[in-house]
Full PDB file with SEQRES, HELIX, SHEET, SSBOND, CRYST1, ORIGX, SCALE, CONECT and MASTER records, all heavy atoms in Angstrom:
SEQRES   1 A   35  LEU PHE GLY GLY THR VAL PHE ALA LEU PHE LEU ALA ALA          
SEQRES   2 A   35  TRP GLU TYR ARG LEU PHE ASP ILE GLY TRP ALA TRP TRP          
SEQRES   3 A   35  ALA TRP PRO VAL CYS PHE VAL LEU ASP                          
HELIX    1 AA1 GLY A    3  TRP A   14  1                                  12    
HELIX    2 AA2 ALA A   27  LEU A   34  1                                   8    
CRYST1    1.000    1.000    1.000  90.00  90.00  90.00 P 1           1          
ORIGX1      1.000000  0.000000  0.000000        0.00000                         
ORIGX2      0.000000  1.000000  0.000000        0.00000                         
ORIGX3      0.000000  0.000000  1.000000        0.00000                         
SCALE1      1.000000  0.000000  0.000000        0.00000                         
SCALE2      0.000000  1.000000  0.000000        0.00000                         
SCALE3      0.000000  0.000000  1.000000        0.00000                         
ATOM      1  N   LEU A   1     114.171  62.473 163.225  1.00  0.00           N  
ATOM      2  CA  LEU A   1     114.692  62.770 164.630  1.00  0.00           C  
ATOM      3  C   LEU A   1     113.470  63.071 165.550  1.00  0.00           C  
ATOM      4  O   LEU A   1     113.506  62.611 166.753  1.00  0.00           O  
ATOM      5  CB  LEU A   1     115.633  63.932 164.599  1.00  0.00           C  
ATOM      6  CG  LEU A   1     116.974  63.708 163.933  1.00  0.00           C  
ATOM      7  CD1 LEU A   1     117.768  65.045 163.851  1.00  0.00           C  
ATOM      8  CD2 LEU A   1     117.778  62.602 164.631  1.00  0.00           C  
ATOM      9  N   PHE A   2     112.516  63.775 165.092  1.00  0.00           N  
ATOM     10  CA  PHE A   2     111.470  64.303 166.028  1.00  0.00           C  
ATOM     11  C   PHE A   2     110.016  63.676 165.790  1.00  0.00           C  
ATOM     12  O   PHE A   2     109.246  63.767 166.623  1.00  0.00           O  
ATOM     13  CB  PHE A   2     111.402  65.850 165.913  1.00  0.00           C  
ATOM     14  CG  PHE A   2     112.607  66.567 166.276  1.00  0.00           C  
ATOM     15  CD1 PHE A   2     113.360  67.190 165.244  1.00  0.00           C  
ATOM     16  CD2 PHE A   2     113.164  66.486 167.530  1.00  0.00           C  
ATOM     17  CE1 PHE A   2     114.603  67.838 165.533  1.00  0.00           C  
ATOM     18  CE2 PHE A   2     114.330  67.145 167.815  1.00  0.00           C  
ATOM     19  CZ  PHE A   2     115.079  67.844 166.779  1.00  0.00           C  
ATOM     20  N   GLY A   3     109.933  63.069 164.600  1.00  0.00           N  
ATOM     21  CA  GLY A   3     108.565  62.555 164.236  1.00  0.00           C  
ATOM     22  C   GLY A   3     108.061  61.492 165.211  1.00  0.00           C  
ATOM     23  O   GLY A   3     106.953  61.390 165.463  1.00  0.00           O  
ATOM     24  N   GLY A   4     109.079  60.670 165.635  1.00  0.00           N  
ATOM     25  CA  GLY A   4     108.646  59.584 166.518  1.00  0.00           C  
ATOM     26  C   GLY A   4     108.146  60.077 167.865  1.00  0.00           C  
ATOM     27  O   GLY A   4     107.150  59.516 168.404  1.00  0.00           O  
ATOM     28  N   THR A   5     108.740  61.149 168.378  1.00  0.00           N  
ATOM     29  CA  THR A   5     108.275  61.813 169.639  1.00  0.00           C  
ATOM     30  C   THR A   5     106.881  62.284 169.432  1.00  0.00           C  
ATOM     31  O   THR A   5     105.947  62.036 170.306  1.00  0.00           O  
ATOM     32  CB  THR A   5     109.235  62.893 170.091  1.00  0.00           C  
ATOM     33  OG1 THR A   5     110.509  62.354 170.243  1.00  0.00           O  
ATOM     34  CG2 THR A   5     108.670  63.461 171.342  1.00  0.00           C  
ATOM     35  N   VAL A   6     106.580  63.002 168.404  1.00  0.00           N  
ATOM     36  CA  VAL A   6     105.273  63.526 168.148  1.00  0.00           C  
ATOM     37  C   VAL A   6     104.183  62.388 168.018  1.00  0.00           C  
ATOM     38  O   VAL A   6     103.111  62.481 168.600  1.00  0.00           O  
ATOM     39  CB  VAL A   6     105.196  64.425 166.903  1.00  0.00           C  
ATOM     40  CG1 VAL A   6     103.793  64.810 166.542  1.00  0.00           C  
ATOM     41  CG2 VAL A   6     106.136  65.628 167.016  1.00  0.00           C  
ATOM     42  N   PHE A   7     104.576  61.342 167.302  1.00  0.00           N  
ATOM     43  CA  PHE A   7     103.667  60.211 167.081  1.00  0.00           C  
ATOM     44  C   PHE A   7     103.397  59.552 168.376  1.00  0.00           C  
ATOM     45  O   PHE A   7     102.237  59.196 168.674  1.00  0.00           O  
ATOM     46  CB  PHE A   7     104.297  59.202 166.114  1.00  0.00           C  
ATOM     47  CG  PHE A   7     103.383  58.145 165.716  1.00  0.00           C  
ATOM     48  CD1 PHE A   7     102.335  58.402 164.847  1.00  0.00           C  
ATOM     49  CD2 PHE A   7     103.517  56.893 166.146  1.00  0.00           C  
ATOM     50  CE1 PHE A   7     101.435  57.363 164.428  1.00  0.00           C  
ATOM     51  CE2 PHE A   7     102.752  55.850 165.738  1.00  0.00           C  
ATOM     52  CZ  PHE A   7     101.627  56.128 164.865  1.00  0.00           C  
ATOM     53  N   ALA A   8     104.429  59.401 169.249  1.00  0.00           N  
ATOM     54  CA  ALA A   8     104.177  58.783 170.609  1.00  0.00           C  
ATOM     55  C   ALA A   8     103.281  59.620 171.488  1.00  0.00           C  
ATOM     56  O   ALA A   8     102.381  59.088 172.217  1.00  0.00           O  
ATOM     57  CB  ALA A   8     105.587  58.629 171.303  1.00  0.00           C  
ATOM     58  N   LEU A   9     103.339  60.984 171.345  1.00  0.00           N  
ATOM     59  CA  LEU A   9     102.467  61.788 172.086  1.00  0.00           C  
ATOM     60  C   LEU A   9     100.996  61.697 171.634  1.00  0.00           C  
ATOM     61  O   LEU A   9     100.070  61.629 172.466  1.00  0.00           O  
ATOM     62  CB  LEU A   9     102.884  63.331 171.995  1.00  0.00           C  
ATOM     63  CG  LEU A   9     104.160  63.644 172.680  1.00  0.00           C  
ATOM     64  CD1 LEU A   9     104.621  65.089 172.318  1.00  0.00           C  
ATOM     65  CD2 LEU A   9     104.009  63.527 174.216  1.00  0.00           C  
ATOM     66  N   PHE A  10     100.832  61.568 170.322  1.00  0.00           N  
ATOM     67  CA  PHE A  10      99.539  61.370 169.779  1.00  0.00           C  
ATOM     68  C   PHE A  10      98.939  59.952 170.244  1.00  0.00           C  
ATOM     69  O   PHE A  10      97.744  59.909 170.500  1.00  0.00           O  
ATOM     70  CB  PHE A  10      99.527  61.415 168.230  1.00  0.00           C  
ATOM     71  CG  PHE A  10      99.572  62.808 167.741  1.00  0.00           C  
ATOM     72  CD1 PHE A  10      99.581  63.942 168.604  1.00  0.00           C  
ATOM     73  CD2 PHE A  10      99.544  63.126 166.376  1.00  0.00           C  
ATOM     74  CE1 PHE A  10      99.514  65.249 168.060  1.00  0.00           C  
ATOM     75  CE2 PHE A  10      99.520  64.331 165.900  1.00  0.00           C  
ATOM     76  CZ  PHE A  10      99.540  65.425 166.687  1.00  0.00           C  
ATOM     77  N   LEU A  11      99.800  58.972 170.230  1.00  0.00           N  
ATOM     78  CA  LEU A  11      99.292  57.677 170.691  1.00  0.00           C  
ATOM     79  C   LEU A  11      98.858  57.716 172.155  1.00  0.00           C  
ATOM     80  O   LEU A  11      97.874  57.077 172.501  1.00  0.00           O  
ATOM     81  CB  LEU A  11     100.420  56.650 170.504  1.00  0.00           C  
ATOM     82  CG  LEU A  11     100.536  56.028 169.118  1.00  0.00           C  
ATOM     83  CD1 LEU A  11     101.708  55.010 169.062  1.00  0.00           C  
ATOM     84  CD2 LEU A  11      99.320  55.341 168.665  1.00  0.00           C  
ATOM     85  N   ALA A  12      99.614  58.425 172.913  1.00  0.00           N  
ATOM     86  CA  ALA A  12      99.255  58.539 174.393  1.00  0.00           C  
ATOM     87  C   ALA A  12      97.952  59.242 174.519  1.00  0.00           C  
ATOM     88  O   ALA A  12      97.087  58.922 175.405  1.00  0.00           O  
ATOM     89  CB  ALA A  12     100.377  59.281 175.107  1.00  0.00           C  
ATOM     90  N   ALA A  13      97.730  60.375 173.789  1.00  0.00           N  
ATOM     91  CA  ALA A  13      96.487  61.088 173.784  1.00  0.00           C  
ATOM     92  C   ALA A  13      95.364  60.292 173.288  1.00  0.00           C  
ATOM     93  O   ALA A  13      94.164  60.432 173.752  1.00  0.00           O  
ATOM     94  CB  ALA A  13      96.599  62.353 172.977  1.00  0.00           C  
ATOM     95  N   TRP A  14      95.568  59.402 172.309  1.00  0.00           N  
ATOM     96  CA  TRP A  14      94.477  58.607 171.715  1.00  0.00           C  
ATOM     97  C   TRP A  14      93.845  57.656 172.742  1.00  0.00           C  
ATOM     98  O   TRP A  14      92.696  57.324 172.581  1.00  0.00           O  
ATOM     99  CB  TRP A  14      95.044  57.827 170.538  1.00  0.00           C  
ATOM    100  CG  TRP A  14      94.059  57.082 169.742  1.00  0.00           C  
ATOM    101  CD1 TRP A  14      93.082  57.664 168.886  1.00  0.00           C  
ATOM    102  CD2 TRP A  14      93.881  55.666 169.669  1.00  0.00           C  
ATOM    103  NE1 TRP A  14      92.365  56.636 168.319  1.00  0.00           N  
ATOM    104  CE2 TRP A  14      92.765  55.436 168.759  1.00  0.00           C  
ATOM    105  CE3 TRP A  14      94.507  54.550 170.262  1.00  0.00           C  
ATOM    106  CZ2 TRP A  14      92.410  54.123 168.471  1.00  0.00           C  
ATOM    107  CZ3 TRP A  14      94.050  53.298 169.939  1.00  0.00           C  
ATOM    108  CH2 TRP A  14      93.075  53.068 169.054  1.00  0.00           C  
ATOM    109  N   GLU A  15      94.531  57.252 173.746  1.00  0.00           N  
ATOM    110  CA  GLU A  15      94.021  56.472 174.791  1.00  0.00           C  
ATOM    111  C   GLU A  15      92.920  57.126 175.561  1.00  0.00           C  
ATOM    112  O   GLU A  15      92.079  56.495 176.200  1.00  0.00           O  
ATOM    113  CB  GLU A  15      95.119  56.078 175.817  1.00  0.00           C  
ATOM    114  CG  GLU A  15      96.235  55.248 175.263  1.00  0.00           C  
ATOM    115  CD  GLU A  15      95.723  53.880 174.696  1.00  0.00           C  
ATOM    116  OE1 GLU A  15      94.808  53.280 175.374  1.00  0.00           O  
ATOM    117  OE2 GLU A  15      96.291  53.350 173.682  1.00  0.00           O  
ATOM    118  N   TYR A  16      92.799  58.465 175.399  1.00  0.00           N  
ATOM    119  CA  TYR A  16      91.759  59.196 176.073  1.00  0.00           C  
ATOM    120  C   TYR A  16      90.697  59.726 175.145  1.00  0.00           C  
ATOM    121  O   TYR A  16      89.988  60.686 175.364  1.00  0.00           O  
ATOM    122  CB  TYR A  16      92.386  60.377 176.796  1.00  0.00           C  
ATOM    123  CG  TYR A  16      93.338  59.989 177.862  1.00  0.00           C  
ATOM    124  CD1 TYR A  16      94.735  59.928 177.580  1.00  0.00           C  
ATOM    125  CD2 TYR A  16      92.990  59.665 179.246  1.00  0.00           C  
ATOM    126  CE1 TYR A  16      95.666  59.460 178.565  1.00  0.00           C  
ATOM    127  CE2 TYR A  16      93.819  59.265 180.129  1.00  0.00           C  
ATOM    128  CZ  TYR A  16      95.209  59.174 179.766  1.00  0.00           C  
ATOM    129  OH  TYR A  16      96.131  58.744 180.777  1.00  0.00           O  
ATOM    130  N   ARG A  17      90.550  59.081 173.946  1.00  0.00           N  
ATOM    131  CA  ARG A  17      89.655  59.421 172.872  1.00  0.00           C  
ATOM    132  C   ARG A  17      88.181  59.403 173.350  1.00  0.00           C  
ATOM    133  O   ARG A  17      87.842  58.600 174.256  1.00  0.00           O  
ATOM    134  CB  ARG A  17      89.835  58.533 171.670  1.00  0.00           C  
ATOM    135  CG  ARG A  17      89.541  57.029 171.926  1.00  0.00           C  
ATOM    136  CD  ARG A  17      90.105  56.219 170.837  1.00  0.00           C  
ATOM    137  NE  ARG A  17      89.870  54.757 171.021  1.00  0.00           N  
ATOM    138  CZ  ARG A  17      90.642  53.996 171.683  1.00  0.00           C  
ATOM    139  NH1 ARG A  17      91.617  54.553 172.329  1.00  0.00           N  
ATOM    140  NH2 ARG A  17      90.352  52.753 171.826  1.00  0.00           N  
ATOM    141  N   LEU A  18      87.423  60.253 172.770  1.00  0.00           N  
ATOM    142  CA  LEU A  18      85.928  60.304 173.115  1.00  0.00           C  
ATOM    143  C   LEU A  18      85.077  59.257 172.403  1.00  0.00           C  
ATOM    144  O   LEU A  18      84.093  58.719 172.921  1.00  0.00           O  
ATOM    145  CB  LEU A  18      85.420  61.711 172.773  1.00  0.00           C  
ATOM    146  CG  LEU A  18      86.056  62.892 173.547  1.00  0.00           C  
ATOM    147  CD1 LEU A  18      85.478  64.182 172.960  1.00  0.00           C  
ATOM    148  CD2 LEU A  18      85.807  62.816 174.988  1.00  0.00           C  
ATOM    149  N   PHE A  19      85.575  58.920 171.193  1.00  0.00           N  
ATOM    150  CA  PHE A  19      84.845  57.918 170.382  1.00  0.00           C  
ATOM    151  C   PHE A  19      85.799  56.928 169.729  1.00  0.00           C  
ATOM    152  O   PHE A  19      86.959  57.176 169.545  1.00  0.00           O  
ATOM    153  CB  PHE A  19      84.075  58.648 169.258  1.00  0.00           C  
ATOM    154  CG  PHE A  19      83.164  59.722 169.705  1.00  0.00           C  
ATOM    155  CD1 PHE A  19      83.594  61.079 169.540  1.00  0.00           C  
ATOM    156  CD2 PHE A  19      81.917  59.471 170.212  1.00  0.00           C  
ATOM    157  CE1 PHE A  19      82.720  62.128 169.981  1.00  0.00           C  
ATOM    158  CE2 PHE A  19      81.105  60.501 170.610  1.00  0.00           C  
ATOM    159  CZ  PHE A  19      81.466  61.819 170.496  1.00  0.00           C  
ATOM    160  N   ASP A  20      85.247  55.789 169.529  1.00  0.00           N  
ATOM    161  CA  ASP A  20      86.020  54.670 168.821  1.00  0.00           C  
ATOM    162  C   ASP A  20      85.652  54.681 167.369  1.00  0.00           C  
ATOM    163  O   ASP A  20      84.806  53.901 166.919  1.00  0.00           O  
ATOM    164  CB  ASP A  20      85.724  53.294 169.438  1.00  0.00           C  
ATOM    165  CG  ASP A  20      86.392  53.055 170.809  1.00  0.00           C  
ATOM    166  OD1 ASP A  20      87.679  53.395 170.851  1.00  0.00           O  
ATOM    167  OD2 ASP A  20      85.750  52.653 171.664  1.00  0.00           O  
ATOM    168  N   ILE A  21      86.320  55.540 166.614  1.00  0.00           N  
ATOM    169  CA  ILE A  21      85.986  55.729 165.206  1.00  0.00           C  
ATOM    170  C   ILE A  21      86.468  54.500 164.423  1.00  0.00           C  
ATOM    171  O   ILE A  21      85.866  54.008 163.434  1.00  0.00           O  
ATOM    172  CB  ILE A  21      86.586  57.048 164.664  1.00  0.00           C  
ATOM    173  CG1 ILE A  21      85.919  58.161 165.317  1.00  0.00           C  
ATOM    174  CG2 ILE A  21      86.474  57.099 163.121  1.00  0.00           C  
ATOM    175  CD1 ILE A  21      86.497  59.559 164.898  1.00  0.00           C  
ATOM    176  N   GLY A  22      87.690  54.018 164.772  1.00  0.00           N  
ATOM    177  CA  GLY A  22      88.177  52.847 164.123  1.00  0.00           C  
ATOM    178  C   GLY A  22      88.660  53.095 162.717  1.00  0.00           C  
ATOM    179  O   GLY A  22      89.018  54.193 162.373  1.00  0.00           O  
ATOM    180  N   TRP A  23      88.539  52.011 161.855  1.00  0.00           N  
ATOM    181  CA  TRP A  23      89.128  52.120 160.511  1.00  0.00           C  
ATOM    182  C   TRP A  23      88.060  51.963 159.427  1.00  0.00           C  
ATOM    183  O   TRP A  23      88.278  51.448 158.297  1.00  0.00           O  
ATOM    184  CB  TRP A  23      90.203  50.989 160.347  1.00  0.00           C  
ATOM    185  CG  TRP A  23      91.303  51.130 161.391  1.00  0.00           C  
ATOM    186  CD1 TRP A  23      91.302  50.495 162.630  1.00  0.00           C  
ATOM    187  CD2 TRP A  23      92.448  51.891 161.235  1.00  0.00           C  
ATOM    188  NE1 TRP A  23      92.414  50.894 163.321  1.00  0.00           N  
ATOM    189  CE2 TRP A  23      93.149  51.752 162.482  1.00  0.00           C  
ATOM    190  CE3 TRP A  23      93.002  52.677 160.253  1.00  0.00           C  
ATOM    191  CZ2 TRP A  23      94.347  52.370 162.771  1.00  0.00           C  
ATOM    192  CZ3 TRP A  23      94.224  53.367 160.532  1.00  0.00           C  
ATOM    193  CH2 TRP A  23      94.890  53.178 161.711  1.00  0.00           C  
ATOM    194  N   ALA A  24      86.825  52.403 159.743  1.00  0.00           N  
ATOM    195  CA  ALA A  24      85.741  52.237 158.816  1.00  0.00           C  
ATOM    196  C   ALA A  24      86.049  53.069 157.524  1.00  0.00           C  
ATOM    197  O   ALA A  24      86.777  54.078 157.640  1.00  0.00           O  
ATOM    198  CB  ALA A  24      84.410  52.788 159.436  1.00  0.00           C  
ATOM    199  N   TRP A  25      85.492  52.641 156.373  1.00  0.00           N  
ATOM    200  CA  TRP A  25      85.851  53.316 155.163  1.00  0.00           C  
ATOM    201  C   TRP A  25      85.430  54.790 155.164  1.00  0.00           C  
ATOM    202  O   TRP A  25      86.234  55.664 154.621  1.00  0.00           O  
ATOM    203  CB  TRP A  25      85.114  52.625 154.004  1.00  0.00           C  
ATOM    204  CG  TRP A  25      83.585  52.773 153.996  1.00  0.00           C  
ATOM    205  CD1 TRP A  25      82.646  51.991 154.639  1.00  0.00           C  
ATOM    206  CD2 TRP A  25      82.821  53.910 153.465  1.00  0.00           C  
ATOM    207  NE1 TRP A  25      81.359  52.498 154.483  1.00  0.00           N  
ATOM    208  CE2 TRP A  25      81.458  53.675 153.748  1.00  0.00           C  
ATOM    209  CE3 TRP A  25      83.199  55.059 152.706  1.00  0.00           C  
ATOM    210  CZ2 TRP A  25      80.461  54.537 153.350  1.00  0.00           C  
ATOM    211  CZ3 TRP A  25      82.181  55.977 152.364  1.00  0.00           C  
ATOM    212  CH2 TRP A  25      80.886  55.652 152.670  1.00  0.00           C  
ATOM    213  N   TRP A  26      84.405  55.083 155.773  1.00  0.00           N  
ATOM    214  CA  TRP A  26      83.889  56.485 155.894  1.00  0.00           C  
ATOM    215  C   TRP A  26      84.801  57.385 156.709  1.00  0.00           C  
ATOM    216  O   TRP A  26      84.814  58.603 156.569  1.00  0.00           O  
ATOM    217  CB  TRP A  26      82.497  56.630 156.332  1.00  0.00           C  
ATOM    218  CG  TRP A  26      82.302  55.982 157.689  1.00  0.00           C  
ATOM    219  CD1 TRP A  26      81.801  54.731 157.938  1.00  0.00           C  
ATOM    220  CD2 TRP A  26      82.518  56.664 158.960  1.00  0.00           C  
ATOM    221  NE1 TRP A  26      81.754  54.530 159.358  1.00  0.00           N  
ATOM    222  CE2 TRP A  26      82.221  55.727 159.969  1.00  0.00           C  
ATOM    223  CE3 TRP A  26      82.937  57.920 159.290  1.00  0.00           C  
ATOM    224  CZ2 TRP A  26      82.303  55.991 161.378  1.00  0.00           C  
ATOM    225  CZ3 TRP A  26      83.097  58.226 160.685  1.00  0.00           C  
ATOM    226  CH2 TRP A  26      82.739  57.220 161.622  1.00  0.00           C  
ATOM    227  N   ALA A  27      85.573  56.792 157.561  1.00  0.00           N  
ATOM    228  CA  ALA A  27      86.456  57.508 158.520  1.00  0.00           C  
ATOM    229  C   ALA A  27      87.556  58.173 157.711  1.00  0.00           C  
ATOM    230  O   ALA A  27      88.045  59.254 158.105  1.00  0.00           O  
ATOM    231  CB  ALA A  27      86.996  56.685 159.589  1.00  0.00           C  
ATOM    232  N   TRP A  28      87.986  57.542 156.642  1.00  0.00           N  
ATOM    233  CA  TRP A  28      89.162  58.044 155.842  1.00  0.00           C  
ATOM    234  C   TRP A  28      88.874  59.453 155.184  1.00  0.00           C  
ATOM    235  O   TRP A  28      89.618  60.410 155.396  1.00  0.00           O  
ATOM    236  CB  TRP A  28      89.603  57.067 154.851  1.00  0.00           C  
ATOM    237  CG  TRP A  28      90.324  55.848 155.466  1.00  0.00           C  
ATOM    238  CD1 TRP A  28      89.794  54.667 155.806  1.00  0.00           C  
ATOM    239  CD2 TRP A  28      91.668  55.853 155.862  1.00  0.00           C  
ATOM    240  NE1 TRP A  28      90.627  53.868 156.380  1.00  0.00           N  
ATOM    241  CE2 TRP A  28      91.825  54.550 156.453  1.00  0.00           C  
ATOM    242  CE3 TRP A  28      92.746  56.652 155.741  1.00  0.00           C  
ATOM    243  CZ2 TRP A  28      93.113  54.092 156.863  1.00  0.00           C  
ATOM    244  CZ3 TRP A  28      93.979  56.267 156.209  1.00  0.00           C  
ATOM    245  CH2 TRP A  28      94.130  54.995 156.808  1.00  0.00           C  
ATOM    246  N   PRO A  29      87.733  59.555 154.411  1.00  0.00           N  
ATOM    247  CA  PRO A  29      87.542  60.873 153.815  1.00  0.00           C  
ATOM    248  C   PRO A  29      87.145  61.959 154.891  1.00  0.00           C  
ATOM    249  O   PRO A  29      87.522  63.118 154.749  1.00  0.00           O  
ATOM    250  CB  PRO A  29      86.329  60.637 153.002  1.00  0.00           C  
ATOM    251  CG  PRO A  29      85.670  59.399 153.385  1.00  0.00           C  
ATOM    252  CD  PRO A  29      86.782  58.573 153.927  1.00  0.00           C  
ATOM    253  N   VAL A  30      86.520  61.473 155.999  1.00  0.00           N  
ATOM    254  CA  VAL A  30      86.163  62.451 156.995  1.00  0.00           C  
ATOM    255  C   VAL A  30      87.496  62.925 157.720  1.00  0.00           C  
ATOM    256  O   VAL A  30      87.652  64.168 157.956  1.00  0.00           O  
ATOM    257  CB  VAL A  30      85.287  61.818 158.108  1.00  0.00           C  
ATOM    258  CG1 VAL A  30      85.122  62.836 159.283  1.00  0.00           C  
ATOM    259  CG2 VAL A  30      83.876  61.524 157.487  1.00  0.00           C  
ATOM    260  N   CYS A  31      88.372  62.032 157.891  1.00  0.00           N  
ATOM    261  CA  CYS A  31      89.636  62.334 158.576  1.00  0.00           C  
ATOM    262  C   CYS A  31      90.398  63.306 157.642  1.00  0.00           C  
ATOM    263  O   CYS A  31      91.053  64.286 158.072  1.00  0.00           O  
ATOM    264  CB  CYS A  31      90.469  61.065 158.800  1.00  0.00           C  
ATOM    265  SG  CYS A  31      92.066  61.414 159.522  1.00  0.00           S  
ATOM    266  N   PHE A  32      90.410  63.027 156.292  1.00  0.00           N  
ATOM    267  CA  PHE A  32      91.189  63.805 155.357  1.00  0.00           C  
ATOM    268  C   PHE A  32      90.713  65.267 155.384  1.00  0.00           C  
ATOM    269  O   PHE A  32      91.457  66.272 155.370  1.00  0.00           O  
ATOM    270  CB  PHE A  32      91.044  63.215 153.924  1.00  0.00           C  
ATOM    271  CG  PHE A  32      91.951  63.951 152.942  1.00  0.00           C  
ATOM    272  CD1 PHE A  32      93.355  63.584 152.819  1.00  0.00           C  
ATOM    273  CD2 PHE A  32      91.429  64.887 152.120  1.00  0.00           C  
ATOM    274  CE1 PHE A  32      94.137  64.292 151.861  1.00  0.00           C  
ATOM    275  CE2 PHE A  32      92.242  65.537 151.173  1.00  0.00           C  
ATOM    276  CZ  PHE A  32      93.599  65.248 151.070  1.00  0.00           C  
ATOM    277  N   VAL A  33      89.354  65.441 155.329  1.00  0.00           N  
ATOM    278  CA  VAL A  33      88.829  66.757 155.362  1.00  0.00           C  
ATOM    279  C   VAL A  33      89.122  67.463 156.560  1.00  0.00           C  
ATOM    280  O   VAL A  33      89.505  68.656 156.602  1.00  0.00           O  
ATOM    281  CB  VAL A  33      87.294  66.710 155.120  1.00  0.00           C  
ATOM    282  CG1 VAL A  33      86.644  68.072 155.225  1.00  0.00           C  
ATOM    283  CG2 VAL A  33      86.971  66.155 153.649  1.00  0.00           C  
ATOM    284  N   LEU A  34      88.866  66.860 157.715  1.00  0.00           N  
ATOM    285  CA  LEU A  34      89.105  67.520 159.032  1.00  0.00           C  
ATOM    286  C   LEU A  34      90.617  67.737 159.222  1.00  0.00           C  
ATOM    287  O   LEU A  34      91.020  68.826 159.742  1.00  0.00           O  
ATOM    288  CB  LEU A  34      88.602  66.612 160.196  1.00  0.00           C  
ATOM    289  CG  LEU A  34      87.070  66.523 160.258  1.00  0.00           C  
ATOM    290  CD1 LEU A  34      86.670  65.625 161.428  1.00  0.00           C  
ATOM    291  CD2 LEU A  34      86.428  67.867 160.384  1.00  0.00           C  
ATOM    292  N   ASP A  35      91.502  66.889 158.736  1.00  0.00           N  
ATOM    293  CA  ASP A  35      92.921  67.146 158.816  1.00  0.00           C  
ATOM    294  C   ASP A  35      93.300  68.363 157.972  1.00  0.00           C  
ATOM    295  O   ASP A  35      94.154  69.141 158.349  1.00  0.00           O  
ATOM    296  CB  ASP A  35      93.683  65.908 158.366  1.00  0.00           C  
ATOM    297  CG  ASP A  35      95.135  66.136 158.421  1.00  0.00           C  
ATOM    298  OD1 ASP A  35      95.671  66.058 159.578  1.00  0.00           O  
ATOM    299  OD2 ASP A  35      95.815  66.255 157.401  1.00  0.00           O  
TER     300      ASP A  35                                                      
MASTER        0    0    0    2    0    0    0    6  299    1    0    3          
END                                                                             
């Protein structure tokens, strides 16, 4: 019921990102640790 709304807000915020990290292999472990 509510997950879609949260995801949409994150997508909107992502448009104002500071860096284009993309989908590089190293981004996954870094993302996991920071998350």
